Amino acid sequence: MAKSRDYQKRFYREWTGPSDLVRQEVIVGETDIFISSKKDVKDIAQRLVKKFRGEIKAYIKLHPQFKTSLEPLDIDPYAPAIIKDMLRASISAGVGPMASVAGAVAEFTGKGLLASSGEIIIENGGDIFIKSDTERTVSIYAGASPVTNKLFIRIKPEDTPLGICTSSGTVGHSLSFGKADACVIISKSTSLADAVATAACNRVKRKGNIGPALEFAVSIDGVQGALIVYKKDFGASGNIELM
């Protein structure tokens, strides 16, 4: 979870979000999520976010390495479900478990809201959980790259629920060892998509790294598709439909 002093206004929310759904922002501590749903679910969402944040914070208190490790940790059979999900994602991607925290909170909150709204789209710092009854498009934000807002991913309703997560070495405050403007990963597991996005982004230091990083991403079991943007260049692989 990012420290509060690193908080930035999610300016892109002013020009995103489906107009046919109710849009609401939920802020709990450092967690700031944007929800689109068939009806107002803000109160339920706040309770869910508090629950999952509480589980993560309590686990970190007992296991500090969960927060600081940049390498995968062993599965803890006694951990809460969201912790085990993050541990599994980190093992698959080869990164620390906190690399999947935004995706995990989005997914677990989103699934918890499905009983209240058949359509749920949750954005958590560029990481998205989506369950939709209609076709949607996701715009790619890649900072100063000329590709920003010129590439779109088509999401078919039959493919949801789905996770679409983005990591960047040039945008935001999240720890990254790469220089890609955007690494976007699609997976049924939003936690996995988040972790692999981080791992793939770490591998991109120059244009020539795009291909190998894409190959790495789609080789991971559970990853459906990947898109990487580096300055004016980009590449995609797997089951991903660009517009």
C-alpha atoms as a PDB file:
ATOM      1  CA  MET A   1       0.000   0.000   0.000  1.00  0.00           C
ATOM      2  CA  ALA A   2       1.434   3.359  -0.998  1.00  0.00           C
ATOM      3  CA  LYS A   3       2.259   5.847   1.740  1.00  0.00           C
ATOM      4  CA  SER A   4      -0.210   8.687   2.036  1.00  0.00           C
ATOM      5  CA  ARG A   5       2.376  11.342   1.124  1.00  0.00           C
ATOM      6  CA  ASP A   6       2.721   9.643  -2.269  1.00  0.00           C
ATOM      7  CA  TYR A   7      -0.993  10.017  -2.993  1.00  0.00           C
ATOM      8  CA  GLN A   8      -1.812  11.606  -6.337  1.00  0.00           C
ATOM      9  CA  LYS A   9      -5.199  12.704  -7.609  1.00  0.00           C
ATOM     10  CA  ARG A  10      -6.427  10.114 -10.095  1.00  0.00           C
ATOM     11  CA  PHE A  11      -6.939  12.781 -12.782  1.00  0.00           C
ATOM     12  CA  TYR A  12      -7.757  10.232 -15.485  1.00  0.00           C
ATOM     13  CA  ARG A  13     -10.997   9.415 -13.675  1.00  0.00           C
ATOM     14  CA  GLU A  14     -12.390  12.722 -14.872  1.00  0.00           C
ATOM     15  CA  TRP A  15     -12.512  11.384 -18.431  1.00  0.00           C
ATOM     16  CA  THR A  16     -13.060   7.662 -17.890  1.00  0.00           C
ATOM     17  CA  GLY A  17     -15.810   5.362 -16.719  1.00  0.00           C
ATOM     18  CA  PRO A  18     -18.868   3.911 -18.470  1.00  0.00           C
ATOM     19  CA  SER A  19     -21.765   6.377 -18.656  1.00  0.00           C
ATOM     20  CA  ASP A  20     -24.385   3.628 -18.327  1.00  0.00           C
ATOM     21  CA  LEU A  21     -23.281   2.693 -14.803  1.00  0.00           C
ATOM     22  CA  VAL A  22     -23.292   4.444 -11.429  1.00  0.00           C
ATOM     23  CA  ARG A  23     -19.800   5.751 -10.679  1.00  0.00           C
ATOM     24  CA  GLN A  24     -18.490   6.117  -7.157  1.00  0.00           C
ATOM     25  CA  GLU A  25     -15.151   6.619  -5.447  1.00  0.00           C
ATOM     26  CA  VAL A  26     -14.215   4.761  -2.274  1.00  0.00           C
ATOM     27  CA  ILE A  27     -11.265   5.910  -0.177  1.00  0.00           C
ATOM     28  CA  VAL A  28     -10.138   3.923   2.859  1.00  0.00           C
ATOM     29  CA  GLY A  29      -6.758   4.965   4.243  1.00  0.00           C
ATOM     30  CA  GLU A  30      -4.275   4.895   1.366  1.00  0.00           C
ATOM     31  CA  THR A  31      -6.609   2.783  -0.783  1.00  0.00           C
ATOM     32  CA  ASP A  32      -8.512   4.759  -3.426  1.00  0.00           C
ATOM     33  CA  ILE A  33     -10.743   2.749  -5.754  1.00  0.00           C
ATOM     34  CA  PHE A  34     -13.204   3.828  -8.437  1.00  0.00           C
ATOM     35  CA  ILE A  35     -16.291   1.661  -8.870  1.00  0.00           C
ATOM     36  CA  SER A  36     -18.789   1.496 -11.715  1.00  0.00           C
ATOM     37  CA  SER A  37     -21.884  -0.593 -10.979  1.00  0.00           C
ATOM     38  CA  LYS A  38     -25.600  -0.882 -11.705  1.00  0.00           C
ATOM     39  CA  LYS A  39     -26.471   0.817  -8.414  1.00  0.00           C
ATOM     40  CA  ASP A  40     -24.814   2.585  -5.509  1.00  0.00           C
ATOM     41  CA  VAL A  41     -22.663   0.062  -3.645  1.00  0.00           C
ATOM     42  CA  LYS A  42     -20.375   2.532  -1.885  1.00  0.00           C
ATOM     43  CA  ASP A  43     -21.237   1.514   1.680  1.00  0.00           C
ATOM     44  CA  ILE A  44     -20.770  -2.195   0.968  1.00  0.00           C
ATOM     45  CA  ALA A  45     -17.534  -1.487  -0.895  1.00  0.00           C
ATOM     46  CA  GLN A  46     -16.138   0.503   2.027  1.00  0.00           C
ATOM     47  CA  ARG A  47     -16.812  -2.394   4.388  1.00  0.00           C
ATOM     48  CA  LEU A  48     -15.147  -4.836   2.006  1.00  0.00           C
ATOM     49  CA  VAL A  49     -12.088  -2.651   1.477  1.00  0.00           C
ATOM     50  CA  LYS A  50     -11.723  -2.170   5.243  1.00  0.00           C
ATOM     51  CA  LYS A  51     -11.960  -5.936   5.721  1.00  0.00           C
ATOM     52  CA  PHE A  52      -9.299  -6.806   3.161  1.00  0.00           C
ATOM     53  CA  ARG A  53      -6.997  -3.954   4.164  1.00  0.00           C
ATOM     54  CA  GLY A  54      -7.338  -5.113   7.751  1.00  0.00           C
ATOM     55  CA  GLU A  55      -6.373  -8.658   6.841  1.00  0.00           C
ATOM     56  CA  ILE A  56      -3.318  -7.473   4.913  1.00  0.00           C
ATOM     57  CA  LYS A  57      -2.181  -5.088   7.651  1.00  0.00           C
ATOM     58  CA  ALA A  58      -2.664  -7.727  10.362  1.00  0.00           C
ATOM     59  CA  TYR A  59      -0.678 -10.283   8.353  1.00  0.00           C
ATOM     60  CA  ILE A  60       2.158  -7.801   7.777  1.00  0.00           C
ATOM     61  CA  LYS A  61       2.298  -7.127  11.518  1.00  0.00           C
ATOM     62  CA  LEU A  62       2.926 -10.842  12.114  1.00  0.00           C
ATOM     63  CA  HIS A  63       5.043 -11.364   8.984  1.00  0.00           C
ATOM     64  CA  PRO A  64       6.904  -8.107   8.140  1.00  0.00           C
ATOM     65  CA  GLN A  65       8.717  -9.756   5.239  1.00  0.00           C
ATOM     66  CA  PHE A  66       5.386  -9.978   3.397  1.00  0.00           C
ATOM     67  CA  LYS A  67       5.570  -6.208   2.900  1.00  0.00           C
ATOM     68  CA  THR A  68       9.272  -5.829   2.183  1.00  0.00           C
ATOM     69  CA  SER A  69      10.286  -8.933   0.237  1.00  0.00           C
ATOM     70  CA  LEU A  70      11.063  -8.479  -3.456  1.00  0.00           C
ATOM     71  CA  GLU A  71      11.117 -12.261  -3.874  1.00  0.00           C
ATOM     72  CA  PRO A  72       8.254 -14.777  -3.591  1.00  0.00           C
ATOM     73  CA  LEU A  73       7.469 -16.241  -0.174  1.00  0.00           C
ATOM     74  CA  ASP A  74       6.144 -19.696   0.662  1.00  0.00           C
ATOM     75  CA  ILE A  75       2.403 -20.307   0.719  1.00  0.00           C
ATOM     76  CA  ASP A  76       0.957 -19.986   4.226  1.00  0.00           C
ATOM     77  CA  PRO A  77      -1.949 -22.447   4.551  1.00  0.00           C
ATOM     78  CA  TYR A  78      -3.268 -20.552   7.580  1.00  0.00           C
ATOM     79  CA  ALA A  79      -3.332 -17.118   5.936  1.00  0.00           C
ATOM     80  CA  PRO A  80      -6.551 -15.339   4.850  1.00  0.00           C
ATOM     81  CA  ALA A  81      -7.696 -16.024   1.300  1.00  0.00           C
ATOM     82  CA  ILE A  82      -6.475 -12.677  -0.064  1.00  0.00           C
ATOM     83  CA  ILE A  83      -2.991 -13.294   1.370  1.00  0.00           C
ATOM     84  CA  LYS A  84      -2.790 -16.774  -0.139  1.00  0.00           C
ATOM     85  CA  ASP A  85      -3.924 -15.360  -3.475  1.00  0.00           C
ATOM     86  CA  MET A  86      -1.165 -12.736  -3.384  1.00  0.00           C
ATOM     87  CA  LEU A  87       1.418 -15.357  -2.413  1.00  0.00           C
ATOM     88  CA  ARG A  88       0.396 -17.603  -5.321  1.00  0.00           C
ATOM     89  CA  ALA A  89       0.516 -14.685  -7.768  1.00  0.00           C
ATOM     90  CA  SER A  90       3.969 -13.649  -6.586  1.00  0.00           C
ATOM     91  CA  ILE A  91       5.312 -17.187  -6.959  1.00  0.00           C
ATOM     92  CA  SER A  92       4.019 -17.394 -10.536  1.00  0.00           C
ATOM     93  CA  ALA A  93       5.482 -14.001 -11.464  1.00  0.00           C
ATOM     94  CA  GLY A  94       8.711 -14.261  -9.473  1.00  0.00           C
ATOM     95  CA  VAL A  95       8.196 -11.018  -7.550  1.00  0.00           C
ATOM     96  CA  GLY A  96       7.375 -10.024  -3.978  1.00  0.00           C
ATOM     97  CA  PRO A  97       3.780 -10.529  -2.771  1.00  0.00           C
ATOM     98  CA  MET A  98       3.016  -6.804  -2.423  1.00  0.00           C
ATOM     99  CA  ALA A  99       3.428  -6.474  -6.196  1.00  0.00           C
ATOM    100  CA  SER A 100      -0.103  -7.874  -6.430  1.00  0.00           C
ATOM    101  CA  VAL A 101      -1.788  -5.878  -3.642  1.00  0.00           C
ATOM    102  CA  ALA A 102      -3.751  -3.407  -5.796  1.00  0.00           C
ATOM    103  CA  GLY A 103      -5.035  -6.159  -8.067  1.00  0.00           C
ATOM    104  CA  ALA A 104      -5.930  -8.374  -5.117  1.00  0.00           C
ATOM    105  CA  VAL A 105      -7.930  -5.644  -3.363  1.00  0.00           C
ATOM    106  CA  ALA A 106      -9.725  -4.810  -6.626  1.00  0.00           C
ATOM    107  CA  GLU A 107     -10.591  -8.447  -7.307  1.00  0.00           C
ATOM    108  CA  PHE A 108     -11.685  -9.436  -3.818  1.00  0.00           C
ATOM    109  CA  THR A 109     -13.750  -6.276  -3.440  1.00  0.00           C
ATOM    110  CA  GLY A 110     -15.252  -6.725  -6.901  1.00  0.00           C
ATOM    111  CA  LYS A 111     -16.240 -10.328  -6.314  1.00  0.00           C
ATOM    112  CA  GLY A 112     -17.722  -9.339  -2.970  1.00  0.00           C
ATOM    113  CA  LEU A 113     -19.910  -6.761  -4.725  1.00  0.00           C
ATOM    114  CA  LEU A 114     -21.259  -9.086  -7.410  1.00  0.00           C
ATOM    115  CA  ALA A 115     -24.110 -10.178  -5.118  1.00  0.00           C
ATOM    116  CA  SER A 116     -25.282  -6.543  -5.096  1.00  0.00           C
ATOM    117  CA  SER A 117     -24.646  -5.644  -8.735  1.00  0.00           C
ATOM    118  CA  GLY A 118     -24.354  -7.979 -11.714  1.00  0.00           C
ATOM    119  CA  GLU A 119     -21.957  -5.554 -13.392  1.00  0.00           C
ATOM    120  CA  ILE A 120     -18.909  -4.331 -11.514  1.00  0.00           C
ATOM    121  CA  ILE A 121     -15.868  -2.460 -12.757  1.00  0.00           C
ATOM    122  CA  ILE A 122     -13.246  -1.571 -10.167  1.00  0.00           C
ATOM    123  CA  GLU A 123     -10.152   0.491 -10.907  1.00  0.00           C
ATOM    124  CA  ASN A 124      -7.452   0.610  -8.260  1.00  0.00           C
ATOM    125  CA  GLY A 125      -4.469   2.682  -9.367  1.00  0.00           C
ATOM    126  CA  GLY A 126      -4.545   1.396 -12.936  1.00  0.00           C
ATOM    127  CA  ASP A 127      -5.471  -2.169 -11.995  1.00  0.00           C
ATOM    128  CA  ILE A 128      -8.944  -3.232 -13.074  1.00  0.00           C
ATOM    129  CA  PHE A 129     -11.393  -5.979 -12.117  1.00  0.00           C
ATOM    130  CA  ILE A 130     -14.308  -6.157 -14.528  1.00  0.00           C
ATOM    131  CA  LYS A 131     -17.533  -8.140 -14.757  1.00  0.00           C
ATOM    132  CA  SER A 132     -19.697  -6.748 -17.528  1.00  0.00           C
ATOM    133  CA  ASP A 133     -22.832  -7.718 -19.439  1.00  0.00           C
ATOM    134  CA  THR A 134     -21.844  -5.579 -22.421  1.00  0.00           C
ATOM    135  CA  GLU A 135     -18.724  -5.039 -24.491  1.00  0.00           C
ATOM    136  CA  ARG A 136     -16.303  -2.539 -22.956  1.00  0.00           C
ATOM    137  CA  THR A 137     -13.115  -0.824 -24.069  1.00  0.00           C
ATOM    138  CA  VAL A 138     -10.127  -0.050 -21.853  1.00  0.00           C
ATOM    139  CA  SER A 139      -7.970   2.928 -22.805  1.00  0.00           C
ATOM    140  CA  ILE A 140      -4.204   2.603 -22.351  1.00  0.00           C
ATOM    141  CA  TYR A 141      -2.563   5.371 -20.356  1.00  0.00           C
ATOM    142  CA  ALA A 142       1.210   5.347 -20.911  1.00  0.00           C
ATOM    143  CA  GLY A 143       2.329   8.698 -19.543  1.00  0.00           C
ATOM    144  CA  ALA A 144       4.278  10.841 -21.993  1.00  0.00           C
ATOM    145  CA  SER A 145       4.277   8.129 -24.685  1.00  0.00           C
ATOM    146  CA  PRO A 146       2.496   9.211 -27.898  1.00  0.00           C
ATOM    147  CA  VAL A 147       0.562   5.940 -27.605  1.00  0.00           C
ATOM    148  CA  THR A 148      -1.404   7.264 -24.598  1.00  0.00           C
ATOM    149  CA  ASN A 149      -5.166   7.184 -25.218  1.00  0.00           C
ATOM    150  CA  LYS A 150      -4.644   5.987 -28.791  1.00  0.00           C
ATOM    151  CA  LEU A 151      -4.698   2.282 -27.976  1.00  0.00           C
ATOM    152  CA  PHE A 152      -7.763   0.501 -26.627  1.00  0.00           C
ATOM    153  CA  ILE A 153      -8.384  -3.073 -25.491  1.00  0.00           C
ATOM    154  CA  ARG A 154     -11.729  -4.634 -26.405  1.00  0.00           C
ATOM    155  CA  ILE A 155     -13.291  -6.621 -23.550  1.00  0.00           C
ATOM    156  CA  LYS A 156     -16.087  -9.020 -24.456  1.00  0.00           C
ATOM    157  CA  PRO A 157     -18.722  -9.737 -21.793  1.00  0.00           C
ATOM    158  CA  GLU A 158     -18.349 -13.498 -22.130  1.00  0.00           C
ATOM    159  CA  ASP A 159     -14.676 -13.190 -21.171  1.00  0.00           C
ATOM    160  CA  THR A 160     -15.462 -11.537 -17.845  1.00  0.00           C
ATOM    161  CA  PRO A 161     -14.877 -11.523 -14.924  1.00  0.00           C
ATOM    162  CA  LEU A 162     -11.380 -10.473 -15.885  1.00  0.00           C
ATOM    163  CA  GLY A 163      -8.378  -8.616 -14.531  1.00  0.00           C
ATOM    164  CA  ILE A 164      -6.556  -5.971 -16.593  1.00  0.00           C
ATOM    165  CA  CYS A 165      -3.524  -4.589 -14.760  1.00  0.00           C
ATOM    166  CA  THR A 166      -0.910  -2.019 -15.711  1.00  0.00           C
ATOM    167  CA  SER A 167       2.587  -1.389 -14.367  1.00  0.00           C
ATOM    168  CA  SER A 168       4.831   1.481 -15.406  1.00  0.00           C
ATOM    169  CA  GLY A 169       8.416   2.485 -14.854  1.00  0.00           C
ATOM    170  CA  THR A 170       7.675   6.104 -15.788  1.00  0.00           C
ATOM    171  CA  VAL A 171       4.243   6.800 -14.269  1.00  0.00           C
ATOM    172  CA  GLY A 172       3.321   6.812 -10.582  1.00  0.00           C
ATOM    173  CA  HIS A 173       5.234   5.944  -7.410  1.00  0.00           C
ATOM    174  CA  SER A 174       5.106   2.146  -7.443  1.00  0.00           C
ATOM    175  CA  LEU A 175       8.480   0.429  -7.258  1.00  0.00           C
ATOM    176  CA  SER A 176       9.720  -0.625 -10.688  1.00  0.00           C
ATOM    177  CA  PHE A 177      13.139  -1.601 -12.014  1.00  0.00           C
ATOM    178  CA  GLY A 178      12.101  -1.088 -15.630  1.00  0.00           C
ATOM    179  CA  LYS A 179      11.544   1.836 -17.972  1.00  0.00           C
ATOM    180  CA  ALA A 180       8.410   0.792 -19.862  1.00  0.00           C
ATOM    181  CA  ASP A 181       5.673   3.398 -20.059  1.00  0.00           C
ATOM    182  CA  ALA A 182       3.032   0.684 -19.651  1.00  0.00           C
ATOM    183  CA  CYS A 183       2.957  -3.077 -19.242  1.00  0.00           C
ATOM    184  CA  VAL A 184      -0.620  -4.328 -19.418  1.00  0.00           C
ATOM    185  CA  ILE A 185      -1.516  -7.899 -18.464  1.00  0.00           C
ATOM    186  CA  ILE A 186      -4.866  -9.666 -18.884  1.00  0.00           C
ATOM    187  CA  SER A 187      -5.780 -12.624 -16.690  1.00  0.00           C
ATOM    188  CA  LYS A 188      -8.776 -14.208 -14.991  1.00  0.00           C
ATOM    189  CA  SER A 189      -6.848 -13.506 -11.790  1.00  0.00           C
ATOM    190  CA  THR A 190      -6.451  -9.783 -11.178  1.00  0.00           C
ATOM    191  CA  SER A 191      -3.821 -10.535  -8.524  1.00  0.00           C
ATOM    192  CA  LEU A 192      -1.798 -12.503 -11.065  1.00  0.00           C
ATOM    193  CA  ALA A 193      -2.218  -9.804 -13.715  1.00  0.00           C
ATOM    194  CA  ASP A 194      -0.877  -7.223 -11.264  1.00  0.00           C
ATOM    195  CA  ALA A 195       2.146  -9.308 -10.251  1.00  0.00           C
ATOM    196  CA  VAL A 196       3.050 -10.242 -13.834  1.00  0.00           C
ATOM    197  CA  ALA A 197       2.649  -6.618 -14.969  1.00  0.00           C
ATOM    198  CA  THR A 198       5.305  -5.668 -12.408  1.00  0.00           C
ATOM    199  CA  ALA A 199       7.584  -8.529 -13.414  1.00  0.00           C
ATOM    200  CA  ALA A 200       7.267  -7.767 -17.134  1.00  0.00           C
ATOM    201  CA  CYS A 201       7.839  -4.053 -16.612  1.00  0.00           C
ATOM    202  CA  ASN A 202      11.016  -4.824 -14.674  1.00  0.00           C
ATOM    203  CA  ARG A 203      12.389  -6.502 -17.799  1.00  0.00           C
ATOM    204  CA  VAL A 204      11.975  -3.524 -20.129  1.00  0.00           C
ATOM    205  CA  LYS A 205      14.934  -1.146 -20.179  1.00  0.00           C
ATOM    206  CA  ARG A 206      14.942  -0.429 -23.923  1.00  0.00           C
ATOM    207  CA  LYS A 207      12.963  -1.070 -27.115  1.00  0.00           C
ATOM    208  CA  GLY A 208      14.661  -4.436 -27.721  1.00  0.00           C
ATOM    209  CA  ASN A 209      13.297  -5.798 -24.449  1.00  0.00           C
ATOM    210  CA  ILE A 210       9.656  -5.565 -25.541  1.00  0.00           C
ATOM    211  CA  GLY A 211       9.586  -8.930 -27.342  1.00  0.00           C
ATOM    212  CA  PRO A 212      11.332 -10.974 -24.623  1.00  0.00           C
ATOM    213  CA  ALA A 213       9.204  -9.370 -21.908  1.00  0.00           C
ATOM    214  CA  LEU A 214       6.018 -10.230 -23.802  1.00  0.00           C
ATOM    215  CA  GLU A 215       7.246 -13.806 -24.264  1.00  0.00           C
ATOM    216  CA  PHE A 216       7.928 -14.040 -20.534  1.00  0.00           C
ATOM    217  CA  ALA A 217       4.484 -12.682 -19.615  1.00  0.00           C
ATOM    218  CA  VAL A 218       2.390 -14.973 -21.809  1.00  0.00           C
ATOM    219  CA  SER A 219       4.473 -18.006 -20.785  1.00  0.00           C
ATOM    220  CA  ILE A 220       3.018 -17.764 -17.269  1.00  0.00           C
ATOM    221  CA  ASP A 221       0.077 -20.056 -16.673  1.00  0.00           C
ATOM    222  CA  GLY A 222      -3.074 -17.986 -16.270  1.00  0.00           C
ATOM    223  CA  VAL A 223      -1.945 -14.988 -18.349  1.00  0.00           C
ATOM    224  CA  GLN A 224      -4.184 -14.513 -21.383  1.00  0.00           C
ATOM    225  CA  GLY A 225      -2.575 -11.529 -23.063  1.00  0.00           C
ATOM    226  CA  ALA A 226       0.006  -8.783 -22.705  1.00  0.00           C
ATOM    227  CA  LEU A 227       0.734  -5.329 -24.124  1.00  0.00           C
ATOM    228  CA  ILE A 228       3.939  -3.355 -23.573  1.00  0.00           C
ATOM    229  CA  VAL A 229       4.528   0.309 -24.459  1.00  0.00           C
ATOM    230  CA  TYR A 230       8.019   1.813 -24.508  1.00  0.00           C
ATOM    231  CA  LYS A 231       8.091   5.416 -25.701  1.00  0.00           C
ATOM    232  CA  LYS A 232       6.636   5.391 -29.246  1.00  0.00           C
ATOM    233  CA  ASP A 233       6.939   1.611 -29.688  1.00  0.00           C
ATOM    234  CA  PHE A 234       4.620  -1.121 -28.480  1.00  0.00           C
ATOM    235  CA  GLY A 235       3.970  -4.810 -28.867  1.00  0.00           C
ATOM    236  CA  ALA A 236       1.234  -7.261 -27.894  1.00  0.00           C
ATOM    237  CA  SER A 237       0.976 -11.016 -27.497  1.00  0.00           C
ATOM    238  CA  GLY A 238      -1.611 -13.622 -26.580  1.00  0.00           C
ATOM    239  CA  ASN A 239      -5.380 -13.267 -26.442  1.00  0.00           C
ATOM    240  CA  ILE A 240      -5.678  -9.483 -26.528  1.00  0.00           C
ATOM    241  CA  GLU A 241      -7.748  -7.489 -29.026  1.00  0.00           C
ATOM    242  CA  LEU A 242      -6.509  -3.963 -29.712  1.00  0.00           C
ATOM    243  CA  MET A 243      -8.553  -1.161 -31.219  1.00  0.00           C
END
